[in-house]
Amino acid sequence: MLRSLDIRDVLIIDRLTLDLGSGLNVLTGETGAGKSILLDALGFVLGWRGRAELVRAGAAQGEVTAVFDLPPGHAARAVLDEAGIEAEDDLILRRVNSADGRKTAFVNDRRVSGEVLRALSEVLVELHGQHDDRGLLNPRGHRALLDSFAGIDLSASRCAWAAARVARGALAEAEAALTAARAEEDFLRHAVAELDKLNPGQGEEALLDARRRAMQGAERIRADVARALQMLSEDGAEAALRDATRWLEGASDKAEGALEAPLAAIARALIELSDAQAGVESCLAGLDVNPGELDSIEERLFAIRGLARKHGVLPDDLGDFADALRARLLALDSGEAGIGLLQTSVAEAEAAWKAEAARLTAARTEAATLLDRAMAAELAPLKMERAVFLTAVTRSEGGPDGADEVTFTVATNPGAPSGPLNKIASGGELSRFLLALKVCLTGQAEGLTMIFDEIDRGVGGATADAVGRRLKLLSDTAQVLVVTHSPQVAALGAHHWRVEKRVEAGQTLSTVVPLPPAERVEEIARMLSGDTVSDAARQAARALLSEV
């Protein structure tokens, strides 16, 4: 509920505070007194598109503040949560328009964008009138209005649509993968055959490289080791030591023991020499390189490295790469079967959604008939019994909310062509159509402040009384603010304000005055009789007020 509206330096308003109540709030006043300015100011603070310049002449800035009561569970709380603003029981919207055209908005003292204001306005306020393109006149919202009227639950349809979308996405992904796989089928089969033939092992490249380097090193040192062995053999150092032993043994008897120690040392040297010879022989045997084996090792090593370079992977990753290619081949070979299963899933999901869409169409068609009947009953007291209201349910492309398009159409006279509300009805007729429709859709009023801008335009007498009583009916469950020139409507208000102009220091200013009971009589009498208020007009005003 809109609790208060505070306006500072906007157009011809210098300072104004309007404290609103629940039920039916009426604003009256002479033409040009500034009633539309109040709506401009409210639209400004709600982020609606309106006049470009609102700042009062001579003021540095204009400012509008609107305070709403926000009960638990109100839809505005979800908007605040999405915007990262903590919700409180009071919702304070404030917007400033500087003289240079800059606009700044705040919600509960948090600076916000105009988009946040407009999102809040969608769940806070409805404006109904001849120039309303935000609510009932907007065909894009007619389906949601009909669904609300019928109490239609869209959750099953939305789930079915989501499941069908997921199934279609999976099918499209599988078909794209299959197409890509077919385009590279020759490459895949050749590459897998090549990898399978080589069959490189994990770490094999490093082992082959180490073996190759060892064999190449053996070739370089074998000649030196062989020469060393020759020098240690019977034709070399061993032969010389044995000759020296024979010569010394021949001379030992005559040397009186002087050669015994040398002979023992030579004997030990021959033993060490034999060990050295055996070790060198063993080493030489290990350095024997089979040229064929080296060629084979190099051939495989180079093949592994070449294949790794070809596919842009490390040699040790060739095995995993081969597995990945085999998986793509398997997907290709089994792709047709998989596509068939996915196609079946898509068909089943779409059938489930179509069944839900058909259920929604049937429910909407039935609800459209009920709404048309309800509208006929409402239009008769509004002196539009010859008008025909028709809720058209037609096929659409389909989506999460079904495959229906809903449009509210009217024909103002039997036999006349029907068309959209705002194209067929005149100003007064349109206002009454909107009022009747809103009465039928009272479920849409929960948590909203409804504003009717001169919705009684062009009607009077019993019709104006019927308009007023329907506005009062709406106000039993929601806050209603009506700008009116009709005394019958004004008399039904729970709260009444008069908008009036005054001139101060050569400036024309607009203000709003709350009317106590006595002044309400005078205001309604003025609305009945014009500038000169007669006793008869006052008596008629009292009669109207007594009928409330």
Protein backbone atom coordinates (compact mmCIF):
# COMPACT_ATOMS: atom_id res chain seq x y z
CA MET A 1 0.00 0.00 0.00
CA LEU A 2 1.19 3.51 -0.85
CA ARG A 3 1.29 5.25 2.53
CA SER A 4 2.64 8.66 1.59
CA LEU A 5 3.86 10.71 -1.34
CA ASP A 6 6.20 13.63 -0.68
CA ILE A 7 6.92 16.05 -3.53
CA ARG A 8 9.49 18.86 -3.52
CA ASP A 9 9.94 21.41 -6.33
CA VAL A 10 8.28 19.46 -9.12
CA LEU A 11 6.61 21.49 -11.91
CA ILE A 12 4.17 23.80 -10.06
CA ILE A 13 4.42 22.00 -6.70
CA ASP A 14 6.82 23.54 -4.22
CA ARG A 15 6.22 21.32 -1.19
CA LEU A 16 3.48 18.75 -0.79
CA THR A 17 2.93 15.68 1.37
CA LEU A 18 0.03 13.37 0.63
CA ASP A 19 -0.78 10.76 3.31
CA LEU A 20 -2.92 8.06 1.76
CA GLY A 21 -5.07 5.44 3.46
CA SER A 22 -6.44 2.03 2.62
CA GLY A 23 -9.61 1.62 0.62
CA LEU A 24 -10.81 4.15 -1.96
CA ASN A 25 -8.84 7.40 -2.14
CA VAL A 26 -10.29 10.12 -4.39
CA LEU A 27 -8.62 13.22 -5.82
CA THR A 28 -10.83 15.97 -7.19
CA GLY A 29 -10.33 19.52 -8.33
CA GLU A 30 -10.80 21.97 -11.16
CA THR A 31 -9.42 21.12 -14.56
CA GLY A 32 -5.79 22.27 -14.68
CA ALA A 33 -5.41 22.32 -10.90
CA GLY A 34 -2.54 19.84 -11.08
CA LYS A 35 -4.08 16.40 -10.59
CA SER A 36 -2.04 15.00 -13.47
CA ILE A 37 1.11 16.43 -11.90
CA LEU A 38 0.62 14.14 -8.90
CA LEU A 39 0.56 11.16 -11.25
CA ASP A 40 3.60 12.50 -13.10
CA ALA A 41 5.45 12.76 -9.79
CA LEU A 42 4.43 9.25 -8.74
CA GLY A 43 5.44 7.90 -12.14
CA PHE A 44 8.79 9.68 -11.81
CA VAL A 45 9.65 8.08 -8.47
CA LEU A 46 8.57 4.68 -9.85
CA GLY A 47 10.92 5.02 -12.82
CA TRP A 48 8.20 5.35 -15.45
CA ARG A 49 8.92 7.24 -18.63
CA GLY A 50 7.25 10.63 -18.56
CA ARG A 51 8.09 14.28 -18.84
CA ALA A 52 11.74 14.99 -19.49
CA GLU A 53 11.90 18.06 -17.25
CA LEU A 54 10.12 18.04 -13.89
CA VAL A 55 12.12 20.57 -11.85
CA ARG A 56 10.13 23.63 -10.73
CA ALA A 57 11.30 26.86 -12.32
CA GLY A 58 14.04 28.45 -10.21
CA ALA A 59 14.73 25.34 -8.11
CA ALA A 60 18.07 23.50 -8.10
CA GLN A 61 16.41 20.10 -8.13
CA GLY A 62 13.09 18.31 -7.82
CA GLU A 63 12.59 15.38 -5.49
CA VAL A 64 9.83 12.81 -4.97
CA THR A 65 9.64 10.27 -2.13
CA ALA A 66 7.09 7.45 -1.95
CA VAL A 67 6.65 5.25 1.12
CA PHE A 68 4.98 1.85 0.78
CA ASP A 69 3.95 -0.67 3.40
CA LEU A 70 5.62 -3.97 2.56
CA PRO A 71 3.93 -6.94 4.28
CA PRO A 72 5.69 -10.34 4.54
CA GLY A 73 5.58 -12.31 1.32
CA HIS A 74 5.06 -9.25 -0.91
CA ALA A 75 6.44 -9.72 -4.42
CA ALA A 76 8.58 -6.57 -4.00
CA ARG A 77 10.71 -8.43 -1.47
CA ALA A 78 11.97 -10.78 -4.21
CA VAL A 79 12.90 -7.76 -6.39
CA LEU A 80 14.81 -6.22 -3.47
CA ASP A 81 16.58 -9.50 -2.77
CA GLU A 82 17.72 -9.77 -6.38
CA ALA A 83 19.02 -6.19 -6.21
CA GLY A 84 20.93 -6.97 -3.00
CA ILE A 85 18.79 -4.65 -0.85
CA GLU A 86 17.57 -5.76 2.57
CA ALA A 87 13.78 -5.67 2.73
CA GLU A 88 12.06 -3.89 5.61
CA ASP A 89 8.43 -3.33 6.54
CA ASP A 90 8.69 0.17 5.03
CA LEU A 91 9.82 0.55 1.43
CA ILE A 92 11.08 4.06 0.73
CA LEU A 93 11.62 5.10 -2.89
CA ARG A 94 13.29 8.45 -3.54
CA ARG A 95 14.28 9.99 -6.85
CA VAL A 96 15.95 13.31 -7.53
CA ASN A 97 15.91 15.28 -10.78
CA SER A 98 18.57 18.01 -10.92
CA ALA A 99 18.11 21.13 -12.99
CA ASP A 100 20.68 19.91 -15.53
CA GLY A 101 18.60 16.79 -16.21
CA ARG A 102 20.53 14.21 -14.14
CA LYS A 103 18.34 11.72 -12.29
CA THR A 104 19.35 9.77 -9.18
CA ALA A 105 17.27 7.05 -7.51
CA PHE A 106 17.40 5.51 -4.05
CA VAL A 107 15.62 2.56 -2.43
CA ASN A 108 15.85 2.50 1.37
CA ASP A 109 18.79 4.93 1.04
CA ARG A 110 20.61 2.59 -1.38
CA ARG A 111 21.37 4.10 -4.76
CA VAL A 112 19.76 2.07 -7.55
CA SER A 113 19.18 2.18 -11.29
CA GLY A 114 15.95 3.10 -13.01
CA GLU A 115 15.55 -0.57 -13.94
CA VAL A 116 15.26 -1.50 -10.26
CA LEU A 117 12.60 1.18 -9.74
CA ARG A 118 10.62 -0.08 -12.73
CA ALA A 119 10.89 -3.69 -11.51
CA LEU A 120 9.49 -2.61 -8.14
CA SER A 121 6.74 -0.56 -9.76
CA GLU A 122 5.50 -3.65 -11.60
CA VAL A 123 4.56 -5.26 -8.27
CA LEU A 124 3.61 -2.10 -6.37
CA VAL A 125 1.37 0.02 -8.60
CA GLU A 126 -1.03 -0.41 -11.50
CA LEU A 127 -2.12 2.61 -13.54
CA HIS A 128 -5.37 2.31 -15.49
CA GLY A 129 -6.60 4.92 -17.89
CA GLN A 130 -6.93 5.93 -21.50
CA HIS A 131 -3.19 6.17 -22.02
CA ASP A 132 -2.23 3.09 -20.02
CA ASP A 133 0.09 0.80 -22.01
CA ARG A 134 1.61 -0.91 -19.01
CA GLY A 135 -1.21 -3.09 -17.70
CA LEU A 136 -4.51 -4.33 -19.09
CA LEU A 137 -4.04 -2.71 -22.50
CA ASN A 138 -0.78 -4.53 -23.13
CA PRO A 139 -1.58 -7.73 -25.10
CA ARG A 140 1.68 -9.28 -23.96
CA GLY A 141 0.24 -9.59 -20.47
CA HIS A 142 -3.21 -10.89 -21.39
CA ARG A 143 -2.29 -14.56 -21.19
CA ALA A 144 -0.89 -14.14 -17.68
CA LEU A 145 -4.07 -12.28 -16.65
CA LEU A 146 -6.28 -15.07 -17.99
CA ASP A 147 -4.12 -17.71 -16.28
CA SER A 148 -4.45 -15.86 -12.99
CA PHE A 149 -8.21 -15.55 -13.45
CA ALA A 150 -8.44 -19.31 -14.04
CA GLY A 151 -5.91 -20.27 -11.36
CA ILE A 152 -3.87 -22.18 -13.93
CA ASP A 153 -0.69 -23.87 -12.68
CA LEU A 154 2.12 -23.57 -15.24
CA SER A 155 4.73 -25.63 -13.38
CA ALA A 156 4.07 -28.91 -15.24
CA SER A 157 4.22 -27.22 -18.64
CA ARG A 158 7.42 -25.40 -17.76
CA CYS A 159 9.04 -28.63 -16.53
CA ALA A 160 7.96 -30.46 -19.70
CA TRP A 161 9.29 -27.63 -21.88
CA ALA A 162 12.61 -27.65 -20.01
CA ALA A 163 12.90 -31.44 -20.41
CA ALA A 164 12.18 -31.17 -24.14
CA ARG A 165 14.77 -28.40 -24.47
CA VAL A 166 17.39 -30.53 -22.71
CA ALA A 167 16.54 -33.53 -24.94
CA ARG A 168 16.78 -31.41 -28.09
CA GLY A 169 20.09 -30.02 -26.91
CA ALA A 170 21.50 -33.49 -26.28
CA LEU A 171 20.35 -34.64 -29.73
CA ALA A 172 21.84 -31.60 -31.44
CA GLU A 173 25.14 -32.09 -29.60
CA ALA A 174 25.26 -35.78 -30.55
CA GLU A 175 24.43 -35.01 -34.19
CA ALA A 176 27.13 -32.34 -34.33
CA ALA A 177 29.65 -34.75 -32.81
CA LEU A 178 28.67 -37.46 -35.28
CA THR A 179 28.97 -35.07 -38.22
CA ALA A 180 32.40 -33.97 -37.03
CA ALA A 181 33.45 -37.58 -36.51
CA ARG A 182 32.34 -38.53 -40.02
CA ALA A 183 34.34 -35.66 -41.45
CA GLU A 184 37.52 -37.09 -39.86
CA GLU A 185 36.70 -40.79 -40.14
CA ASP A 186 39.57 -41.54 -42.56
CA PHE A 187 42.05 -39.73 -40.33
CA LEU A 188 40.80 -41.53 -37.22
CA ARG A 189 41.04 -44.99 -38.73
CA HIS A 190 44.51 -44.35 -40.20
CA ALA A 191 45.80 -42.78 -36.99
CA VAL A 192 44.47 -45.59 -34.77
CA ALA A 193 45.93 -48.24 -37.10
CA GLU A 194 49.29 -46.46 -37.05
CA LEU A 195 49.29 -46.16 -33.28
CA ASP A 196 48.13 -49.75 -32.78
CA LYS A 197 50.90 -51.00 -35.07
CA LEU A 198 53.60 -49.11 -33.20
CA ASN A 199 51.94 -49.69 -29.79
CA PRO A 200 54.31 -47.45 -27.79
CA GLY A 201 54.57 -48.22 -24.11
CA GLN A 202 54.54 -45.79 -21.20
CA GLY A 203 58.15 -44.65 -20.63
CA GLU A 204 59.43 -46.62 -23.60
CA GLU A 205 60.89 -43.59 -25.35
CA ALA A 206 63.13 -42.80 -22.37
CA LEU A 207 64.33 -46.42 -22.09
CA LEU A 208 65.15 -46.63 -25.80
CA ASP A 209 66.99 -43.32 -25.68
CA ALA A 210 69.10 -44.47 -22.71
CA ARG A 211 69.92 -47.80 -24.42
CA ARG A 212 70.86 -46.04 -27.66
CA ARG A 213 73.22 -43.63 -25.89
CA ALA A 214 74.87 -46.52 -24.01
CA MET A 215 75.44 -48.50 -27.22
CA GLN A 216 76.85 -45.44 -29.00
CA GLY A 217 79.22 -44.86 -26.06
CA ALA A 218 80.38 -48.50 -26.16
CA GLU A 219 81.50 -48.18 -29.76
CA ARG A 220 83.65 -45.20 -28.91
CA ILE A 221 85.64 -46.87 -26.01
CA ARG A 222 85.84 -50.49 -27.15
CA ALA A 223 89.07 -50.01 -29.18
CA ASP A 224 90.92 -48.52 -26.19
CA VAL A 225 89.76 -51.31 -23.86
CA ALA A 226 90.86 -53.95 -26.43
CA ARG A 227 94.33 -52.41 -26.73
CA ALA A 228 94.61 -52.31 -22.95
CA LEU A 229 93.65 -55.99 -22.76
CA GLN A 230 96.28 -56.82 -25.31
CA MET A 231 98.92 -55.07 -23.23
CA LEU A 232 97.85 -57.08 -20.19
CA SER A 233 97.74 -60.47 -21.97
CA GLU A 234 100.41 -63.17 -22.48
CA ASP A 235 101.88 -61.10 -25.27
CA GLY A 236 102.24 -58.07 -23.10
CA ALA A 237 102.88 -57.36 -19.41
CA GLU A 238 102.24 -60.96 -18.32
CA ALA A 239 104.89 -62.31 -20.69
CA ALA A 240 107.43 -59.74 -19.50
CA LEU A 241 106.78 -60.58 -15.83
CA ARG A 242 107.11 -64.31 -16.48
CA ASP A 243 110.42 -63.76 -18.34
CA ALA A 244 111.67 -61.66 -15.48
CA THR A 245 110.68 -64.41 -13.02
CA ARG A 246 112.67 -67.07 -14.95
CA TRP A 247 115.72 -64.86 -15.10
CA LEU A 248 115.60 -64.00 -11.41
CA GLU A 249 114.97 -67.59 -10.36
CA GLY A 250 118.12 -68.61 -12.33
CA ALA A 251 120.15 -66.04 -10.48
CA SER A 252 118.50 -66.55 -7.05
CA ASP A 253 120.77 -69.36 -5.85
CA LYS A 254 123.80 -67.19 -6.23
CA ALA A 255 122.20 -64.05 -4.80
CA GLU A 256 122.16 -65.50 -1.26
CA GLY A 257 118.41 -64.69 -0.72
CA ALA A 258 118.48 -61.11 -2.00
CA LEU A 259 116.02 -61.97 -4.79
CA GLU A 260 113.43 -63.82 -2.74
CA ALA A 261 111.45 -60.72 -1.85
CA PRO A 262 111.40 -59.40 -5.44
CA LEU A 263 110.33 -62.81 -6.70
CA ALA A 264 107.45 -62.84 -4.16
CA ALA A 265 106.36 -59.37 -5.23
CA ILE A 266 106.41 -60.41 -8.89
CA ALA A 267 104.28 -63.45 -8.02
CA ARG A 268 101.73 -61.19 -6.33
CA ALA A 269 101.81 -58.83 -9.29
CA LEU A 270 101.03 -61.70 -11.64
CA ILE A 271 97.97 -62.56 -9.52
CA GLU A 272 96.73 -58.92 -9.57
CA LEU A 273 97.50 -58.74 -13.26
CA SER A 274 95.36 -61.83 -13.84
CA ASP A 275 92.46 -60.19 -11.95
CA ALA A 276 92.87 -56.99 -13.97
CA GLN A 277 92.95 -58.97 -17.19
CA ALA A 278 89.76 -60.81 -16.24
CA GLY A 279 88.00 -57.56 -15.40
CA VAL A 280 89.02 -55.91 -18.64
CA GLU A 281 87.93 -59.00 -20.60
CA SER A 282 84.53 -58.87 -18.91
CA CYS A 283 84.17 -55.18 -19.72
CA LEU A 284 85.18 -55.78 -23.31
CA ALA A 285 82.62 -58.53 -23.61
CA GLY A 286 79.96 -56.13 -22.39
CA LEU A 287 80.95 -53.57 -25.00
CA ASP A 288 80.16 -55.85 -27.86
CA VAL A 289 77.49 -53.99 -29.92
CA ASN A 290 75.24 -55.66 -32.44
CA PRO A 291 74.94 -53.11 -35.26
CA GLY A 292 71.56 -54.60 -36.18
CA GLU A 293 70.25 -54.14 -32.65
CA LEU A 294 71.34 -50.47 -32.58
CA ASP A 295 69.65 -49.86 -35.90
CA SER A 296 66.47 -51.46 -34.59
CA ILE A 297 66.50 -49.38 -31.41
CA GLU A 298 67.08 -46.17 -33.35
CA GLU A 299 64.35 -47.00 -35.84
CA ARG A 300 61.73 -47.54 -33.09
CA LEU A 301 62.87 -44.53 -31.09
CA PHE A 302 62.62 -42.27 -34.12
CA ALA A 303 59.23 -43.75 -35.03
CA ILE A 304 57.84 -42.97 -31.55
CA ARG A 305 59.19 -39.43 -31.61
CA GLY A 306 57.95 -38.81 -35.14
CA LEU A 307 54.44 -39.97 -34.27
CA ALA A 308 54.41 -37.74 -31.18
CA ARG A 309 55.42 -34.73 -33.28
CA LYS A 310 52.83 -35.57 -35.90
CA HIS A 311 49.99 -35.53 -33.39
CA GLY A 312 51.37 -32.74 -31.21
CA VAL A 313 51.64 -34.77 -28.01
CA LEU A 314 54.44 -35.97 -25.76
CA PRO A 315 55.80 -39.47 -26.51
CA ASP A 316 54.52 -40.74 -23.17
CA ASP A 317 51.02 -39.42 -24.02
CA LEU A 318 50.69 -41.42 -27.22
CA GLY A 319 48.89 -44.23 -25.41
CA ASP A 320 46.23 -41.89 -23.96
CA PHE A 321 45.95 -40.15 -27.32
CA ALA A 322 45.31 -43.48 -29.00
CA ASP A 323 42.61 -44.28 -26.43
CA ALA A 324 40.92 -40.95 -27.16
CA LEU A 325 40.94 -41.63 -30.90
CA ARG A 326 39.52 -45.10 -30.31
CA ALA A 327 36.72 -43.55 -28.24
CA ARG A 328 35.88 -41.18 -31.09
CA LEU A 329 35.84 -44.07 -33.50
CA LEU A 330 33.58 -46.00 -31.13
CA ALA A 331 31.25 -43.01 -30.95
CA LEU A 332 31.25 -42.88 -34.73
CA ASP A 333 30.58 -46.59 -35.08
CA SER A 334 27.82 -46.53 -32.46
CA GLY A 335 26.62 -43.02 -33.29
CA GLU A 336 23.66 -43.99 -35.41
CA ALA A 337 22.23 -46.15 -32.63
CA GLY A 338 22.81 -43.37 -30.09
CA ILE A 339 21.16 -40.80 -32.37
CA GLY A 340 18.15 -43.06 -32.63
CA LEU A 341 17.81 -43.28 -28.85
CA LEU A 342 18.13 -39.53 -28.49
CA GLN A 343 15.54 -38.96 -31.20
CA THR A 344 13.18 -41.20 -29.28
CA SER A 345 13.85 -39.19 -26.12
CA VAL A 346 13.12 -35.93 -27.96
CA ALA A 347 9.90 -37.32 -29.37
CA GLU A 348 8.75 -38.49 -25.93
CA ALA A 349 9.67 -35.16 -24.27
CA GLU A 350 7.94 -33.13 -26.97
CA ALA A 351 4.87 -35.36 -26.74
CA ALA A 352 4.77 -34.75 -22.97
CA TRP A 353 5.01 -30.99 -23.51
CA LYS A 354 2.35 -31.05 -26.23
CA ALA A 355 0.04 -32.89 -23.85
CA GLU A 356 0.61 -30.18 -21.23
CA ALA A 357 0.15 -27.47 -23.86
CA ALA A 358 -3.15 -29.07 -24.93
CA ARG A 359 -4.26 -29.17 -21.28
CA LEU A 360 -3.44 -25.47 -20.93
CA THR A 361 -5.28 -24.64 -24.16
CA ALA A 362 -8.39 -26.44 -22.91
CA ALA A 363 -8.19 -24.70 -19.53
CA ARG A 364 -7.66 -21.30 -21.13
CA THR A 365 -10.49 -21.80 -23.60
CA GLU A 366 -12.84 -22.66 -20.75
CA ALA A 367 -11.56 -19.75 -18.65
CA ALA A 368 -11.98 -17.39 -21.63
CA THR A 369 -15.67 -18.33 -21.82
CA LEU A 370 -16.09 -17.70 -18.09
CA LEU A 371 -14.27 -14.35 -18.32
CA ASP A 372 -16.40 -13.27 -21.27
CA ARG A 373 -19.55 -14.08 -19.28
CA ALA A 374 -18.23 -12.21 -16.25
CA MET A 375 -17.40 -9.21 -18.43
CA ALA A 376 -20.89 -9.21 -19.95
CA ALA A 377 -22.37 -9.09 -16.46
CA GLU A 378 -20.09 -6.21 -15.49
CA LEU A 379 -20.61 -4.17 -18.66
CA ALA A 380 -24.39 -4.08 -18.39
CA PRO A 381 -24.52 -1.82 -15.27
CA LEU A 382 -21.93 0.39 -16.93
CA LYS A 383 -24.40 1.11 -19.76
CA MET A 384 -22.43 -1.01 -22.22
CA GLU A 385 -24.81 -3.94 -22.47
CA ARG A 386 -24.57 -3.89 -26.28
CA ALA A 387 -20.78 -4.18 -26.25
CA VAL A 388 -19.18 -7.58 -26.76
CA PHE A 389 -16.00 -8.51 -24.94
CA LEU A 390 -14.21 -11.55 -26.35
CA THR A 391 -11.12 -13.32 -25.03
CA ALA A 392 -9.40 -14.76 -28.11
CA VAL A 393 -7.21 -17.83 -27.51
CA THR A 394 -5.12 -18.57 -30.60
CA ARG A 395 -2.13 -20.75 -31.39
CA SER A 396 1.40 -19.45 -30.89
CA GLU A 397 4.86 -20.86 -31.57
CA GLY A 398 4.91 -22.45 -28.16
CA GLY A 399 7.11 -22.10 -25.11
CA PRO A 400 7.32 -22.96 -21.43
CA ASP A 401 3.83 -21.52 -20.81
CA GLY A 402 2.15 -23.49 -23.59
CA ALA A 403 1.27 -22.77 -27.20
CA ASP A 404 -1.43 -20.12 -26.80
CA GLU A 405 -1.68 -16.43 -27.48
CA VAL A 406 -4.39 -14.57 -25.57
CA THR A 407 -5.84 -11.23 -26.65
CA PHE A 408 -8.69 -9.25 -25.12
CA THR A 409 -10.84 -7.83 -27.92
CA VAL A 410 -14.05 -5.80 -27.97
CA ALA A 411 -16.82 -4.87 -30.34
CA THR A 412 -18.70 -1.81 -29.10
CA ASN A 413 -21.89 -2.79 -30.93
CA PRO A 414 -23.34 -6.13 -32.12
CA GLY A 415 -22.22 -6.91 -35.63
CA ALA A 416 -19.35 -4.43 -35.49
CA PRO A 417 -15.85 -5.78 -36.05
CA SER A 418 -13.89 -6.64 -32.94
CA GLY A 419 -10.39 -5.49 -32.22
CA PRO A 420 -7.91 -4.66 -29.44
CA LEU A 421 -9.29 -2.65 -26.53
CA ASN A 422 -7.24 0.47 -27.16
CA LYS A 423 -7.99 0.47 -30.93
CA ILE A 424 -11.76 0.00 -30.85
CA ALA A 425 -13.09 1.70 -27.72
CA SER A 426 -13.50 5.45 -27.28
CA GLY A 427 -12.06 7.20 -24.22
CA GLY A 428 -15.13 6.76 -22.01
CA GLU A 429 -15.81 3.25 -23.28
CA LEU A 430 -12.20 2.26 -22.78
CA SER A 431 -12.25 3.42 -19.18
CA ARG A 432 -15.34 1.37 -18.43
CA PHE A 433 -13.94 -1.68 -20.22
CA LEU A 434 -10.79 -1.45 -18.10
CA LEU A 435 -12.77 -1.05 -14.91
CA ALA A 436 -15.01 -4.02 -15.69
CA LEU A 437 -12.00 -6.12 -16.61
CA LYS A 438 -10.20 -5.17 -13.42
CA VAL A 439 -13.25 -6.09 -11.34
CA CYS A 440 -13.34 -9.50 -13.02
CA LEU A 441 -9.62 -9.92 -12.39
CA THR A 442 -9.69 -8.90 -8.75
CA GLY A 443 -7.16 -11.60 -7.95
CA GLN A 444 -4.63 -9.38 -9.67
CA ALA A 445 -5.12 -6.64 -7.08
CA GLU A 446 -3.44 -8.36 -4.17
CA GLY A 447 -0.58 -6.27 -2.80
CA LEU A 448 -1.05 -3.56 -5.43
CA THR A 449 -2.00 0.10 -5.32
CA MET A 450 -4.37 0.66 -8.24
CA ILE A 451 -4.61 4.11 -9.77
CA PHE A 452 -7.49 5.04 -12.06
CA ASP A 453 -6.90 8.26 -13.97
CA GLU A 454 -10.29 9.81 -14.86
CA ILE A 455 -11.69 6.36 -15.58
CA ASP A 456 -15.18 7.89 -15.29
CA ARG A 457 -14.51 10.24 -18.20
CA GLY A 458 -17.52 10.67 -20.46
CA VAL A 459 -20.08 9.08 -18.14
CA GLY A 460 -22.53 10.42 -15.60
CA GLY A 461 -25.66 9.66 -13.65
CA ALA A 462 -26.35 5.99 -13.00
CA THR A 463 -23.34 4.94 -15.05
CA ALA A 464 -21.01 7.09 -12.97
CA ASP A 465 -22.56 5.61 -9.84
CA ALA A 466 -21.93 2.10 -11.21
CA VAL A 467 -18.31 3.06 -11.93
CA GLY A 468 -17.88 4.38 -8.41
CA ARG A 469 -19.39 1.31 -6.79
CA ARG A 470 -17.07 -0.97 -8.75
CA LEU A 471 -14.11 1.11 -7.69
CA LYS A 472 -15.29 0.80 -4.10
CA LEU A 473 -15.66 -2.95 -4.59
CA LEU A 474 -12.04 -3.13 -5.71
CA SER A 475 -10.97 -1.03 -2.73
CA ASP A 476 -12.39 -3.60 -0.32
CA THR A 477 -9.34 -5.81 -0.99
CA ALA A 478 -6.79 -3.32 -2.32
CA GLN A 479 -5.82 0.32 -2.12
CA VAL A 480 -7.42 2.33 -4.93
CA LEU A 481 -6.52 5.91 -5.88
CA VAL A 482 -8.84 7.56 -8.39
CA VAL A 483 -8.58 10.95 -10.07
CA THR A 484 -12.17 11.89 -10.86
CA HIS A 485 -14.52 14.64 -12.01
CA SER A 486 -17.57 12.57 -11.08
CA PRO A 487 -19.43 13.53 -7.87
CA GLN A 488 -20.94 10.03 -7.73
CA VAL A 489 -17.45 8.51 -7.63
CA ALA A 490 -16.07 11.12 -5.22
CA ALA A 491 -18.91 10.49 -2.75
CA LEU A 492 -17.90 6.83 -2.44
CA GLY A 493 -14.34 7.59 -1.34
CA ALA A 494 -13.06 6.61 2.07
CA HIS A 495 -10.51 9.45 1.84
CA HIS A 496 -10.97 12.63 -0.18
CA TRP A 497 -8.45 15.29 -1.27
CA ARG A 498 -8.95 18.38 -3.36
CA VAL A 499 -6.20 19.53 -5.71
CA GLU A 500 -6.14 23.32 -6.04
CA LYS A 501 -3.98 26.13 -7.31
CA ARG A 502 -2.80 29.25 -5.51
CA VAL A 503 -0.64 32.21 -6.51
CA GLU A 504 2.22 33.28 -4.25
CA ALA A 505 4.74 35.99 -5.10
CA GLY A 506 3.66 35.88 -8.71
CA GLN A 507 4.09 32.12 -8.98
CA THR A 508 1.32 29.60 -9.57
CA LEU A 509 1.57 26.67 -7.19
CA SER A 510 -0.47 23.51 -6.77
CA THR A 511 -1.36 21.88 -3.49
CA VAL A 512 -3.52 19.08 -2.14
CA VAL A 513 -5.96 19.63 0.72
CA PRO A 514 -7.50 16.77 2.74
CA LEU A 515 -11.24 17.32 3.06
CA PRO A 516 -13.15 16.81 6.31
CA PRO A 517 -16.86 15.85 6.02
CA ALA A 518 -18.18 19.43 5.81
CA GLU A 519 -15.76 20.41 3.07
CA ARG A 520 -16.50 17.19 1.21
CA VAL A 521 -20.10 18.39 0.94
CA GLU A 522 -18.94 21.68 -0.56
CA GLU A 523 -16.55 19.95 -3.01
CA ILE A 524 -19.13 17.44 -4.22
CA ALA A 525 -21.69 20.23 -4.49
CA ARG A 526 -19.24 22.19 -6.64
CA MET A 527 -18.75 19.11 -8.83
CA LEU A 528 -22.54 18.87 -9.19
CA SER A 529 -23.35 22.52 -9.90
CA GLY A 530 -20.19 24.27 -11.10
CA ASP A 531 -18.75 27.56 -9.87
CA THR A 532 -21.90 28.68 -8.04
CA VAL A 533 -22.76 26.21 -5.30
CA SER A 534 -26.48 26.22 -4.51
CA ASP A 535 -28.31 24.84 -1.52
CA ALA A 536 -29.87 22.27 -3.82
CA ALA A 537 -26.39 21.16 -4.85
CA ARG A 538 -25.38 20.86 -1.20
CA GLN A 539 -28.50 18.83 -0.48
CA ALA A 540 -27.71 16.56 -3.43
CA ALA A 541 -24.14 16.20 -2.20
CA ARG A 542 -25.34 15.18 1.25
CA ALA A 543 -27.67 12.66 -0.36
CA LEU A 544 -24.81 11.14 -2.32
CA LEU A 545 -22.64 10.90 0.77
CA SER A 546 -25.43 9.34 2.79
CA GLU A 547 -25.80 6.56 0.24
CA VAL A 548 -22.24 5.33 0.79
